[in-house]
Amino acid sequence: MSVIFTSTIKVAEDGTWYIELKDMLDQRVEICKYMDEYAQKIEDLGNDYGGNIDTVNWYKDDDVPVYIMDEIRAQMARYQAQVEEILGEPLIQ
């Protein structure tokens, strides 16, 4: 059994972004409006599988503007740096 999640970046009608996080095994869907919320929800879902997530596939809707993608990338880079500082080693070897 492979644990696969999908993360789809979407834009709400008010122009704000969110990430739709989906567990492909049981089809649960979580809506994440902030990167901290995304990190917590992916950890919570992963805990149901002993913390072992095989794959996270990333997608974006066609209407997501470049500036939102840039904002999300920057937030993810900051989050990664925080985690690496705590761990004392890089996440990606």
C-alpha atoms as a PDB file:
ATOM      1  CA  MET A   1       0.000   0.000   0.000  1.00  0.00           C
ATOM      2  CA  SER A   2       1.480   3.319  -1.076  1.00  0.00           C
ATOM      3  CA  VAL A   3       0.523   6.393   0.905  1.00  0.00           C
ATOM      4  CA  ILE A   4      -0.042   9.125  -1.655  1.00  0.00           C
ATOM      5  CA  PHE A   5      -1.325  12.620  -1.027  1.00  0.00           C
ATOM      6  CA  THR A   6      -2.134  15.293  -3.570  1.00  0.00           C
ATOM      7  CA  SER A   7      -1.716  18.980  -2.888  1.00  0.00           C
ATOM      8  CA  THR A   8      -3.538  21.277  -5.285  1.00  0.00           C
ATOM      9  CA  ILE A   9      -3.043  25.023  -5.144  1.00  0.00           C
ATOM     10  CA  LYS A  10      -6.288  26.873  -5.794  1.00  0.00           C
ATOM     11  CA  VAL A  11      -7.612  30.421  -5.724  1.00  0.00           C
ATOM     12  CA  ALA A  12     -10.812  31.315  -3.875  1.00  0.00           C
ATOM     13  CA  GLU A  13     -13.367  33.729  -5.290  1.00  0.00           C
ATOM     14  CA  ASP A  14     -11.980  36.490  -3.048  1.00  0.00           C
ATOM     15  CA  GLY A  15      -8.527  36.060  -4.645  1.00  0.00           C
ATOM     16  CA  THR A  16      -6.849  34.322  -1.712  1.00  0.00           C
ATOM     17  CA  TRP A  17      -4.990  31.073  -2.227  1.00  0.00           C
ATOM     18  CA  TYR A  18      -5.477  27.777  -0.469  1.00  0.00           C
ATOM     19  CA  ILE A  19      -4.146  24.254  -0.774  1.00  0.00           C
ATOM     20  CA  GLU A  20      -6.504  21.320  -1.136  1.00  0.00           C
ATOM     21  CA  LEU A  21      -4.767  18.369   0.528  1.00  0.00           C
ATOM     22  CA  LYS A  22      -6.193  14.980  -0.416  1.00  0.00           C
ATOM     23  CA  ASP A  23      -5.421  11.534   0.964  1.00  0.00           C
ATOM     24  CA  MET A  24      -5.694   9.294  -2.095  1.00  0.00           C
ATOM     25  CA  LEU A  25      -6.276   6.128  -0.041  1.00  0.00           C
ATOM     26  CA  ASP A  26      -9.426   7.152   1.780  1.00  0.00           C
ATOM     27  CA  GLN A  27     -10.266  10.287  -0.237  1.00  0.00           C
ATOM     28  CA  ARG A  28     -10.193  12.636   2.786  1.00  0.00           C
ATOM     29  CA  VAL A  29      -9.811  16.280   1.814  1.00  0.00           C
ATOM     30  CA  GLU A  30      -8.413  19.063   3.986  1.00  0.00           C
ATOM     31  CA  ILE A  31      -8.433  22.751   3.060  1.00  0.00           C
ATOM     32  CA  CYS A  32      -5.330  24.672   4.143  1.00  0.00           C
ATOM     33  CA  LYS A  33      -5.295  28.478   3.994  1.00  0.00           C
ATOM     34  CA  TYR A  34      -1.825  28.947   5.493  1.00  0.00           C
ATOM     35  CA  MET A  35       1.473  27.090   5.196  1.00  0.00           C
ATOM     36  CA  ASP A  36       1.536  26.321   8.936  1.00  0.00           C
ATOM     37  CA  GLU A  37      -1.944  24.833   8.614  1.00  0.00           C
ATOM     38  CA  TYR A  38      -0.790  22.751   5.641  1.00  0.00           C
ATOM     39  CA  ALA A  39       2.233  21.457   7.557  1.00  0.00           C
ATOM     40  CA  GLN A  40       0.069  20.475  10.521  1.00  0.00           C
ATOM     41  CA  LYS A  41      -2.616  18.775   8.424  1.00  0.00           C
ATOM     42  CA  ILE A  42      -0.153  16.789   6.327  1.00  0.00           C
ATOM     43  CA  GLU A  43       1.526  15.646   9.543  1.00  0.00           C
ATOM     44  CA  ASP A  44      -1.850  14.675  11.029  1.00  0.00           C
ATOM     45  CA  LEU A  45      -2.837  12.706   7.934  1.00  0.00           C
ATOM     46  CA  GLY A  46       0.594  11.083   7.773  1.00  0.00           C
ATOM     47  CA  ASN A  47       0.314   9.998  11.406  1.00  0.00           C
ATOM     48  CA  ASP A  48      -2.558   7.723  10.359  1.00  0.00           C
ATOM     49  CA  TYR A  49       0.079   5.771   8.410  1.00  0.00           C
ATOM     50  CA  GLY A  50       2.801   5.786  11.042  1.00  0.00           C
ATOM     51  CA  GLY A  51       4.300   8.970   9.620  1.00  0.00           C
ATOM     52  CA  ASN A  52       5.235   7.178   6.398  1.00  0.00           C
ATOM     53  CA  ILE A  53       4.161   9.156   3.337  1.00  0.00           C
ATOM     54  CA  ASP A  54       5.401   7.722   0.057  1.00  0.00           C
ATOM     55  CA  THR A  55       4.529  10.578  -2.289  1.00  0.00           C
ATOM     56  CA  VAL A  56       3.032  14.039  -2.301  1.00  0.00           C
ATOM     57  CA  ASN A  57       1.995  15.034  -5.813  1.00  0.00           C
ATOM     58  CA  TRP A  58       1.673  18.779  -6.383  1.00  0.00           C
ATOM     59  CA  TYR A  59      -0.757  20.421  -8.800  1.00  0.00           C
ATOM     60  CA  LYS A  60      -2.188  23.866  -9.379  1.00  0.00           C
ATOM     61  CA  ASP A  61      -5.352  25.056 -11.008  1.00  0.00           C
ATOM     62  CA  ASP A  62      -4.914  26.860 -14.316  1.00  0.00           C
ATOM     63  CA  ASP A  63      -6.157  30.158 -12.862  1.00  0.00           C
ATOM     64  CA  VAL A  64      -3.441  30.427 -10.177  1.00  0.00           C
ATOM     65  CA  PRO A  65      -1.349  33.522 -10.985  1.00  0.00           C
ATOM     66  CA  VAL A  66       2.436  33.498 -10.939  1.00  0.00           C
ATOM     67  CA  TYR A  67       2.650  35.875  -7.958  1.00  0.00           C
ATOM     68  CA  ILE A  68       0.689  33.409  -5.805  1.00  0.00           C
ATOM     69  CA  MET A  69       3.011  30.578  -6.845  1.00  0.00           C
ATOM     70  CA  ASP A  70       5.979  32.785  -5.914  1.00  0.00           C
ATOM     71  CA  GLU A  71       4.430  33.554  -2.515  1.00  0.00           C
ATOM     72  CA  ILE A  72       3.814  29.867  -1.798  1.00  0.00           C
ATOM     73  CA  ARG A  73       7.354  28.907  -2.881  1.00  0.00           C
ATOM     74  CA  ALA A  74       8.802  31.561  -0.579  1.00  0.00           C
ATOM     75  CA  GLN A  75       6.691  30.370   2.356  1.00  0.00           C
ATOM     76  CA  MET A  76       7.691  26.758   1.704  1.00  0.00           C
ATOM     77  CA  ALA A  77      11.385  27.732   1.570  1.00  0.00           C
ATOM     78  CA  ARG A  78      11.087  29.548   4.915  1.00  0.00           C
ATOM     79  CA  TYR A  79       9.330  26.558   6.457  1.00  0.00           C
ATOM     80  CA  GLN A  80      11.984  24.181   5.107  1.00  0.00           C
ATOM     81  CA  ALA A  81      14.753  26.362   6.555  1.00  0.00           C
ATOM     82  CA  GLN A  82      13.047  26.332   9.971  1.00  0.00           C
ATOM     83  CA  VAL A  83      12.729  22.542   9.939  1.00  0.00           C
ATOM     84  CA  GLU A  84      16.346  22.104   8.816  1.00  0.00           C
ATOM     85  CA  GLU A  85      17.513  24.378  11.622  1.00  0.00           C
ATOM     86  CA  ILE A  86      15.620  22.280  14.167  1.00  0.00           C
ATOM     87  CA  LEU A  87      16.911  19.004  12.702  1.00  0.00           C
ATOM     88  CA  GLY A  88      20.439  20.293  12.204  1.00  0.00           C
ATOM     89  CA  GLU A  89      20.606  18.788   8.733  1.00  0.00           C
ATOM     90  CA  PRO A  90      19.146  19.352   5.269  1.00  0.00           C
ATOM     91  CA  LEU A  91      15.801  17.735   4.424  1.00  0.00           C
ATOM     92  CA  ILE A  92      16.942  16.947   0.909  1.00  0.00           C
ATOM     93  CA  GLN A  93      20.160  14.973   0.722  1.00  0.00           C
END
